[in-house]
Amino acid sequence: MLLGSHSVPLDRKGRLQVPGAWWPELAPGWVLGKGIDRCLWLQPRTGWEAWAAILSGALQLERRGARDLARHLHAAASVGRLDPEGGLLVPETLLSYARIADEAVLVGIGDRIEIWEPLLWQELDAQIAREAEAIAERLPWPRPSQITRIAEG
């Protein structure tokens, strides 16, 4: 599971260092692409493939918005593997999209990592902290019996 947040520098080529705790999940291969909130999404390749299959099944591709979202998420995506030191080269087009220059914040979101420009992340994180209670009240929480069934598989 990908958890926590880490500030990391980028070198002149746009390479960043992935924290060692996350290497095992990303070692078999990863997909890096545009996220929705002006961040980048980094996922294990198998997770991306499963997510993409669910997304294409859920989207009504006869609707322009669905096609545009699929284009946004897939067109600039790249696949790769971590280098032996856990490095990851981020393409310039993705750095530009996320407004990342010489530092990034990597945020573990369970099944993926979001890569943020530090000030954008700081602003969003503060906003979420202010609104967390109201957000939680609006969400449909599962009943305990549903959680037990999920845990039992």
N, C-alpha and C. Protein backbone atom coordinates (compact mmCIF):
# COMPACT_ATOMS: atom_id res chain seq x y z
N MET A 1 0.85 -1.17 0.00
CA MET A 1 0.00 0.00 0.00
C MET A 1 0.90 1.24 0.00
N LEU A 2 0.54 2.22 -0.78
CA LEU A 2 1.32 3.45 -0.94
C LEU A 2 0.76 4.53 -0.02
N LEU A 3 1.49 4.82 1.05
CA LEU A 3 1.03 5.77 2.07
C LEU A 3 2.12 6.77 2.42
N GLY A 4 1.70 7.92 2.94
CA GLY A 4 2.65 8.94 3.39
C GLY A 4 2.89 10.00 2.35
N SER A 5 3.68 11.01 2.73
CA SER A 5 4.06 12.06 1.78
C SER A 5 5.54 12.37 1.97
N HIS A 6 6.18 12.72 0.85
CA HIS A 6 7.62 12.94 0.83
C HIS A 6 7.94 14.08 -0.12
N SER A 7 8.75 15.03 0.33
CA SER A 7 9.28 16.08 -0.55
C SER A 7 10.57 15.56 -1.16
N VAL A 8 10.68 15.68 -2.47
CA VAL A 8 11.87 15.20 -3.16
C VAL A 8 12.34 16.22 -4.18
N PRO A 9 13.66 16.38 -4.33
CA PRO A 9 14.17 17.27 -5.37
C PRO A 9 14.15 16.58 -6.73
N LEU A 10 14.15 17.37 -7.78
CA LEU A 10 14.32 16.86 -9.14
C LEU A 10 15.69 17.30 -9.62
N ASP A 11 16.35 16.43 -10.37
CA ASP A 11 17.63 16.85 -10.94
C ASP A 11 17.38 17.63 -12.24
N ARG A 12 18.46 18.04 -12.90
CA ARG A 12 18.34 18.86 -14.12
C ARG A 12 17.57 18.15 -15.24
N LYS A 13 17.58 16.83 -15.23
CA LYS A 13 16.90 16.07 -16.28
C LYS A 13 15.44 15.79 -15.97
N GLY A 14 14.98 16.17 -14.76
CA GLY A 14 13.60 15.88 -14.38
C GLY A 14 13.46 14.54 -13.69
N ARG A 15 14.54 14.03 -13.15
CA ARG A 15 14.53 12.74 -12.46
C ARG A 15 14.27 12.98 -10.97
N LEU A 16 13.40 12.16 -10.39
CA LEU A 16 13.15 12.23 -8.95
C LEU A 16 13.38 10.87 -8.33
N GLN A 17 13.61 10.88 -7.03
CA GLN A 17 13.88 9.66 -6.28
C GLN A 17 12.62 9.21 -5.56
N VAL A 18 12.17 8.00 -5.83
CA VAL A 18 11.00 7.43 -5.17
C VAL A 18 11.44 6.85 -3.82
N PRO A 19 10.72 7.13 -2.74
CA PRO A 19 11.09 6.57 -1.44
C PRO A 19 11.19 5.04 -1.48
N GLY A 20 12.19 4.51 -0.79
CA GLY A 20 12.46 3.07 -0.81
C GLY A 20 11.29 2.20 -0.40
N ALA A 21 10.45 2.69 0.51
CA ALA A 21 9.30 1.89 0.96
C ALA A 21 8.34 1.59 -0.18
N TRP A 22 8.35 2.41 -1.21
CA TRP A 22 7.42 2.23 -2.33
C TRP A 22 8.01 1.41 -3.48
N TRP A 23 9.31 1.13 -3.44
CA TRP A 23 9.95 0.40 -4.54
C TRP A 23 9.31 -0.95 -4.83
N PRO A 24 9.01 -1.78 -3.81
CA PRO A 24 8.47 -3.11 -4.14
C PRO A 24 7.20 -3.06 -5.00
N GLU A 25 6.34 -2.09 -4.74
CA GLU A 25 5.10 -2.03 -5.53
C GLU A 25 5.34 -1.51 -6.94
N LEU A 26 6.37 -0.66 -7.11
CA LEU A 26 6.62 -0.06 -8.41
C LEU A 26 7.67 -0.81 -9.23
N ALA A 27 8.45 -1.69 -8.58
CA ALA A 27 9.55 -2.38 -9.26
C ALA A 27 9.13 -3.17 -10.50
N PRO A 28 7.99 -3.87 -10.47
CA PRO A 28 7.60 -4.62 -11.68
C PRO A 28 7.28 -3.73 -12.88
N GLY A 29 7.04 -2.46 -12.65
CA GLY A 29 6.71 -1.52 -13.71
C GLY A 29 5.66 -0.56 -13.25
N TRP A 30 5.64 0.63 -13.86
CA TRP A 30 4.71 1.67 -13.44
C TRP A 30 4.16 2.40 -14.66
N VAL A 31 3.09 3.15 -14.41
CA VAL A 31 2.53 4.07 -15.41
C VAL A 31 2.46 5.43 -14.74
N LEU A 32 2.93 6.44 -15.45
CA LEU A 32 2.92 7.82 -14.98
C LEU A 32 2.12 8.64 -15.97
N GLY A 33 1.17 9.42 -15.47
CA GLY A 33 0.35 10.24 -16.36
C GLY A 33 -0.26 11.42 -15.65
N LYS A 34 -1.03 12.17 -16.38
CA LYS A 34 -1.73 13.32 -15.81
C LYS A 34 -2.81 12.84 -14.84
N GLY A 35 -2.92 13.54 -13.72
CA GLY A 35 -4.02 13.33 -12.81
C GLY A 35 -5.11 14.33 -13.12
N ILE A 36 -6.09 14.41 -12.26
CA ILE A 36 -7.22 15.30 -12.51
C ILE A 36 -7.02 16.68 -11.90
N ASP A 37 -6.35 16.76 -10.76
CA ASP A 37 -6.25 18.02 -10.03
C ASP A 37 -4.94 18.76 -10.25
N ARG A 38 -4.40 18.74 -11.46
CA ARG A 38 -3.16 19.41 -11.79
C ARG A 38 -1.96 18.75 -11.10
N CYS A 39 -2.11 17.45 -10.83
CA CYS A 39 -1.00 16.66 -10.30
C CYS A 39 -0.75 15.52 -11.28
N LEU A 40 0.27 14.72 -11.00
CA LEU A 40 0.55 13.54 -11.79
C LEU A 40 0.16 12.31 -10.99
N TRP A 41 -0.24 11.27 -11.68
CA TRP A 41 -0.56 9.99 -11.03
C TRP A 41 0.50 8.98 -11.43
N LEU A 42 1.07 8.32 -10.42
CA LEU A 42 2.03 7.25 -10.63
C LEU A 42 1.44 6.00 -10.00
N GLN A 43 1.28 4.95 -10.81
CA GLN A 43 0.66 3.72 -10.31
C GLN A 43 1.47 2.52 -10.75
N PRO A 44 1.45 1.46 -9.94
CA PRO A 44 1.98 0.19 -10.45
C PRO A 44 1.25 -0.15 -11.75
N ARG A 45 1.97 -0.71 -12.69
CA ARG A 45 1.38 -0.97 -14.01
C ARG A 45 0.13 -1.85 -13.91
N THR A 46 0.16 -2.88 -13.07
CA THR A 46 -1.02 -3.74 -12.95
C THR A 46 -2.21 -2.98 -12.39
N GLY A 47 -1.95 -2.08 -11.46
CA GLY A 47 -3.02 -1.25 -10.90
C GLY A 47 -3.61 -0.33 -11.95
N TRP A 48 -2.75 0.27 -12.78
CA TRP A 48 -3.21 1.16 -13.84
C TRP A 48 -4.08 0.39 -14.84
N GLU A 49 -3.62 -0.80 -15.21
CA GLU A 49 -4.38 -1.59 -16.18
C GLU A 49 -5.75 -1.97 -15.64
N ALA A 50 -5.82 -2.36 -14.37
CA ALA A 50 -7.11 -2.69 -13.76
C ALA A 50 -8.00 -1.46 -13.69
N TRP A 51 -7.41 -0.34 -13.27
CA TRP A 51 -8.15 0.91 -13.16
C TRP A 51 -8.65 1.35 -14.54
N ALA A 52 -7.81 1.26 -15.55
CA ALA A 52 -8.20 1.67 -16.91
C ALA A 52 -9.35 0.80 -17.43
N ALA A 53 -9.33 -0.48 -17.11
CA ALA A 53 -10.42 -1.37 -17.55
C ALA A 53 -11.73 -0.98 -16.87
N ILE A 54 -11.67 -0.68 -15.58
CA ILE A 54 -12.88 -0.24 -14.85
C ILE A 54 -13.37 1.08 -15.42
N LEU A 55 -12.43 2.01 -15.66
CA LEU A 55 -12.80 3.33 -16.18
C LEU A 55 -13.46 3.20 -17.55
N SER A 56 -12.88 2.40 -18.44
CA SER A 56 -13.48 2.32 -19.77
C SER A 56 -14.82 1.60 -19.74
N GLY A 57 -15.02 0.72 -18.76
CA GLY A 57 -16.32 0.09 -18.61
C GLY A 57 -17.35 1.03 -18.02
N ALA A 58 -16.90 1.97 -17.18
CA ALA A 58 -17.83 2.88 -16.52
C ALA A 58 -18.17 4.10 -17.37
N LEU A 59 -17.22 4.50 -18.21
CA LEU A 59 -17.47 5.69 -19.03
C LEU A 59 -18.40 5.37 -20.19
N GLN A 60 -19.29 6.27 -20.45
CA GLN A 60 -20.16 6.13 -21.61
C GLN A 60 -19.46 6.87 -22.75
N LEU A 61 -18.72 6.10 -23.56
CA LEU A 61 -17.86 6.72 -24.55
C LEU A 61 -18.61 7.43 -25.67
N GLU A 62 -19.92 7.27 -25.73
CA GLU A 62 -20.67 8.07 -26.71
C GLU A 62 -20.80 9.51 -26.24
N ARG A 63 -20.45 9.79 -24.98
CA ARG A 63 -20.49 11.15 -24.45
C ARG A 63 -19.13 11.80 -24.60
N ARG A 64 -19.12 13.00 -25.09
CA ARG A 64 -17.86 13.70 -25.34
C ARG A 64 -17.02 13.85 -24.07
N GLY A 65 -17.64 14.18 -22.94
CA GLY A 65 -16.90 14.34 -21.70
C GLY A 65 -16.14 13.09 -21.31
N ALA A 66 -16.75 11.94 -21.52
CA ALA A 66 -16.10 10.67 -21.20
C ALA A 66 -14.89 10.45 -22.10
N ARG A 67 -15.05 10.73 -23.39
CA ARG A 67 -13.93 10.58 -24.32
C ARG A 67 -12.81 11.55 -23.97
N ASP A 68 -13.17 12.78 -23.63
CA ASP A 68 -12.16 13.78 -23.28
C ASP A 68 -11.40 13.39 -22.01
N LEU A 69 -12.10 12.85 -21.01
CA LEU A 69 -11.42 12.41 -19.80
C LEU A 69 -10.45 11.27 -20.11
N ALA A 70 -10.89 10.31 -20.90
CA ALA A 70 -10.00 9.20 -21.27
C ALA A 70 -8.77 9.73 -22.01
N ARG A 71 -8.96 10.69 -22.90
CA ARG A 71 -7.82 11.29 -23.61
C ARG A 71 -6.87 11.97 -22.64
N HIS A 72 -7.44 12.75 -21.71
CA HIS A 72 -6.64 13.48 -20.73
C HIS A 72 -5.77 12.52 -19.92
N LEU A 73 -6.35 11.43 -19.47
CA LEU A 73 -5.64 10.51 -18.59
C LEU A 73 -4.65 9.61 -19.32
N HIS A 74 -4.89 9.30 -20.58
CA HIS A 74 -4.06 8.33 -21.28
C HIS A 74 -3.06 8.91 -22.27
N ALA A 75 -3.36 10.04 -22.88
CA ALA A 75 -2.54 10.53 -23.99
C ALA A 75 -1.09 10.82 -23.61
N ALA A 76 -0.86 11.38 -22.44
CA ALA A 76 0.50 11.73 -22.03
C ALA A 76 1.13 10.70 -21.11
N ALA A 77 0.44 9.59 -20.88
CA ALA A 77 0.95 8.58 -19.95
C ALA A 77 2.18 7.88 -20.52
N SER A 78 3.06 7.48 -19.62
CA SER A 78 4.24 6.73 -20.03
C SER A 78 4.41 5.54 -19.08
N VAL A 79 5.10 4.52 -19.57
CA VAL A 79 5.35 3.34 -18.76
C VAL A 79 6.86 3.20 -18.57
N GLY A 80 7.24 2.54 -17.49
CA GLY A 80 8.66 2.34 -17.26
C GLY A 80 8.92 1.53 -16.02
N ARG A 81 10.18 1.51 -15.64
CA ARG A 81 10.63 0.83 -14.42
C ARG A 81 11.54 1.79 -13.67
N LEU A 82 11.60 1.63 -12.36
CA LEU A 82 12.53 2.41 -11.56
C LEU A 82 13.95 2.01 -11.93
N ASP A 83 14.88 2.98 -11.92
CA ASP A 83 16.27 2.62 -12.12
C ASP A 83 16.81 1.98 -10.84
N PRO A 84 18.02 1.46 -10.85
CA PRO A 84 18.53 0.73 -9.66
C PRO A 84 18.55 1.56 -8.36
N GLU A 85 18.58 2.88 -8.47
CA GLU A 85 18.57 3.74 -7.28
C GLU A 85 17.16 4.22 -6.92
N GLY A 86 16.14 3.70 -7.59
CA GLY A 86 14.77 4.12 -7.33
C GLY A 86 14.40 5.42 -8.02
N GLY A 87 15.16 5.76 -9.05
CA GLY A 87 14.91 6.99 -9.78
C GLY A 87 13.84 6.82 -10.85
N LEU A 88 13.20 7.93 -11.13
CA LEU A 88 12.12 7.97 -12.11
C LEU A 88 12.27 9.25 -12.92
N LEU A 89 12.40 9.13 -14.23
CA LEU A 89 12.51 10.30 -15.10
C LEU A 89 11.11 10.74 -15.51
N VAL A 90 10.76 11.98 -15.17
CA VAL A 90 9.43 12.53 -15.49
C VAL A 90 9.54 13.32 -16.79
N PRO A 91 8.76 12.97 -17.81
CA PRO A 91 8.82 13.71 -19.07
C PRO A 91 8.48 15.20 -18.89
N GLU A 92 9.11 16.03 -19.68
CA GLU A 92 8.92 17.49 -19.58
C GLU A 92 7.45 17.88 -19.75
N THR A 93 6.72 17.20 -20.62
CA THR A 93 5.31 17.55 -20.82
C THR A 93 4.51 17.37 -19.52
N LEU A 94 4.84 16.32 -18.76
CA LEU A 94 4.13 16.09 -17.50
C LEU A 94 4.57 17.09 -16.42
N LEU A 95 5.87 17.40 -16.38
CA LEU A 95 6.34 18.41 -15.43
C LEU A 95 5.65 19.75 -15.69
N SER A 96 5.53 20.10 -16.95
CA SER A 96 4.88 21.36 -17.31
C SER A 96 3.40 21.35 -16.91
N TYR A 97 2.70 20.25 -17.20
CA TYR A 97 1.29 20.14 -16.84
C TYR A 97 1.08 20.35 -15.34
N ALA A 98 1.94 19.72 -14.53
CA ALA A 98 1.79 19.78 -13.06
C ALA A 98 2.49 21.00 -12.46
N ARG A 99 3.13 21.80 -13.30
CA ARG A 99 3.84 23.02 -12.85
C ARG A 99 4.97 22.70 -11.87
N ILE A 100 5.60 21.57 -12.07
CA ILE A 100 6.70 21.14 -11.21
C ILE A 100 8.02 21.61 -11.81
N ALA A 101 8.87 22.21 -10.97
CA ALA A 101 10.16 22.69 -11.43
C ALA A 101 11.30 21.90 -10.80
N ASP A 102 11.73 22.27 -9.61
CA ASP A 102 12.90 21.65 -9.02
C ASP A 102 12.62 20.82 -7.76
N GLU A 103 11.37 20.77 -7.34
CA GLU A 103 10.99 19.98 -6.18
C GLU A 103 9.56 19.48 -6.38
N ALA A 104 9.26 18.32 -5.81
CA ALA A 104 7.91 17.76 -5.89
C ALA A 104 7.56 17.14 -4.55
N VAL A 105 6.25 17.00 -4.32
CA VAL A 105 5.76 16.27 -3.15
C VAL A 105 5.07 15.02 -3.68
N LEU A 106 5.52 13.87 -3.18
CA LEU A 106 4.92 12.59 -3.54
C LEU A 106 3.98 12.19 -2.41
N VAL A 107 2.72 11.94 -2.78
CA VAL A 107 1.68 11.64 -1.78
C VAL A 107 1.11 10.26 -2.08
N GLY A 108 1.26 9.34 -1.13
CA GLY A 108 0.70 8.00 -1.30
C GLY A 108 -0.79 8.01 -1.03
N ILE A 109 -1.57 7.52 -1.99
CA ILE A 109 -3.04 7.53 -1.90
C ILE A 109 -3.55 6.08 -1.93
N GLY A 110 -2.82 5.17 -1.33
CA GLY A 110 -3.26 3.78 -1.28
C GLY A 110 -2.82 3.00 -2.49
N ASP A 111 -3.52 3.17 -3.62
CA ASP A 111 -3.20 2.41 -4.82
C ASP A 111 -2.39 3.20 -5.84
N ARG A 112 -2.11 4.47 -5.54
CA ARG A 112 -1.33 5.29 -6.47
C ARG A 112 -0.58 6.35 -5.68
N ILE A 113 0.33 7.00 -6.39
CA ILE A 113 1.08 8.13 -5.83
C ILE A 113 0.69 9.35 -6.64
N GLU A 114 0.36 10.43 -5.95
CA GLU A 114 0.15 11.70 -6.64
C GLU A 114 1.43 12.52 -6.49
N ILE A 115 1.84 13.17 -7.57
CA ILE A 115 3.05 13.98 -7.58
C ILE A 115 2.62 15.43 -7.79
N TRP A 116 2.96 16.27 -6.81
CA TRP A 116 2.47 17.64 -6.76
C TRP A 116 3.58 18.68 -6.76
N GLU A 117 3.28 19.83 -7.31
CA GLU A 117 4.10 21.02 -7.10
C GLU A 117 3.89 21.39 -5.64
N PRO A 118 4.96 21.66 -4.87
CA PRO A 118 4.82 21.82 -3.42
C PRO A 118 3.80 22.86 -2.96
N LEU A 119 3.75 24.03 -3.57
CA LEU A 119 2.78 25.05 -3.12
C LEU A 119 1.35 24.64 -3.43
N LEU A 120 1.12 24.02 -4.59
CA LEU A 120 -0.23 23.54 -4.91
C LEU A 120 -0.67 22.49 -3.90
N TRP A 121 0.25 21.56 -3.54
CA TRP A 121 -0.10 20.54 -2.55
C TRP A 121 -0.38 21.18 -1.19
N GLN A 122 0.45 22.11 -0.79
CA GLN A 122 0.27 22.77 0.51
C GLN A 122 -1.10 23.45 0.59
N GLU A 123 -1.50 24.15 -0.47
CA GLU A 123 -2.80 24.82 -0.49
C GLU A 123 -3.94 23.81 -0.44
N LEU A 124 -3.85 22.75 -1.25
CA LEU A 124 -4.91 21.74 -1.27
C LEU A 124 -4.99 21.01 0.06
N ASP A 125 -3.85 20.64 0.62
CA ASP A 125 -3.83 19.94 1.90
C ASP A 125 -4.47 20.79 3.00
N ALA A 126 -4.18 22.08 3.02
CA ALA A 126 -4.78 22.97 4.01
C ALA A 126 -6.30 23.09 3.80
N GLN A 127 -6.72 23.17 2.54
CA GLN A 127 -8.16 23.25 2.25
C GLN A 127 -8.87 21.98 2.70
N ILE A 128 -8.28 20.83 2.41
CA ILE A 128 -8.89 19.56 2.81
C ILE A 128 -8.98 19.49 4.33
N ALA A 129 -7.94 19.93 5.02
CA ALA A 129 -7.95 19.91 6.49
C ALA A 129 -9.09 20.76 7.04
N ARG A 130 -9.33 21.92 6.41
CA ARG A 130 -10.42 22.79 6.87
C ARG A 130 -11.79 22.17 6.62
N GLU A 131 -11.92 21.38 5.56
CA GLU A 131 -13.22 20.86 5.14
C GLU A 131 -13.42 19.37 5.42
N ALA A 132 -12.47 18.72 6.08
CA ALA A 132 -12.50 17.26 6.24
C ALA A 132 -13.79 16.77 6.87
N GLU A 133 -14.25 17.43 7.91
CA GLU A 133 -15.47 16.97 8.58
C GLU A 133 -16.68 17.05 7.64
N ALA A 134 -16.80 18.16 6.94
CA ALA A 134 -17.94 18.32 6.02
C ALA A 134 -17.85 17.31 4.87
N ILE A 135 -16.65 17.07 4.38
CA ILE A 135 -16.46 16.08 3.30
C ILE A 135 -16.89 14.71 3.80
N ALA A 136 -16.45 14.33 5.00
CA ALA A 136 -16.78 13.02 5.56
C ALA A 136 -18.29 12.84 5.72
N GLU A 137 -18.97 13.91 6.10
CA GLU A 137 -20.42 13.81 6.29
C GLU A 137 -21.17 13.61 4.98
N ARG A 138 -20.61 14.07 3.87
CA ARG A 138 -21.27 13.93 2.57
C ARG A 138 -21.03 12.57 1.92
N LEU A 139 -20.03 11.83 2.37
CA LEU A 139 -19.68 10.57 1.73
C LEU A 139 -20.60 9.44 2.19
N PRO A 140 -20.90 8.51 1.29
CA PRO A 140 -21.69 7.33 1.68
C PRO A 140 -20.77 6.30 2.32
N TRP A 141 -20.74 6.23 3.63
CA TRP A 141 -19.88 5.29 4.34
C TRP A 141 -20.50 3.90 4.33
N PRO A 142 -19.66 2.84 4.16
CA PRO A 142 -20.21 1.48 4.21
C PRO A 142 -20.63 1.11 5.63
N ARG A 143 -21.61 0.25 5.71
CA ARG A 143 -22.04 -0.27 7.02
C ARG A 143 -21.01 -1.28 7.50
N PRO A 144 -20.91 -1.51 8.80
CA PRO A 144 -19.92 -2.49 9.32
C PRO A 144 -20.03 -3.86 8.66
N SER A 145 -21.25 -4.31 8.36
CA SER A 145 -21.39 -5.63 7.73
C SER A 145 -20.75 -5.65 6.34
N GLN A 146 -20.80 -4.52 5.62
CA GLN A 146 -20.17 -4.45 4.31
C GLN A 146 -18.65 -4.52 4.44
N ILE A 147 -18.10 -3.86 5.45
CA ILE A 147 -16.66 -3.86 5.66
C ILE A 147 -16.19 -5.29 5.98
N THR A 148 -16.94 -6.00 6.81
CA THR A 148 -16.60 -7.37 7.17
C THR A 148 -16.59 -8.26 5.93
N ARG A 149 -17.60 -8.12 5.07
CA ARG A 149 -17.64 -8.93 3.85
C ARG A 149 -16.47 -8.63 2.94
N ILE A 150 -16.10 -7.37 2.82
CA ILE A 150 -14.96 -6.98 1.98
C ILE A 150 -13.69 -7.58 2.54
N ALA A 151 -13.50 -7.48 3.86
CA ALA A 151 -12.29 -7.99 4.49
C ALA A 151 -12.17 -9.50 4.37
N GLU A 152 -13.29 -10.18 4.39
CA GLU A 152 -13.27 -11.66 4.28
C GLU A 152 -13.05 -12.14 2.86
N GLY A 153 -13.20 -11.21 1.90
CA GLY A 153 -12.92 -11.53 0.52
C GLY A 153 -13.97 -12.28 -0.16
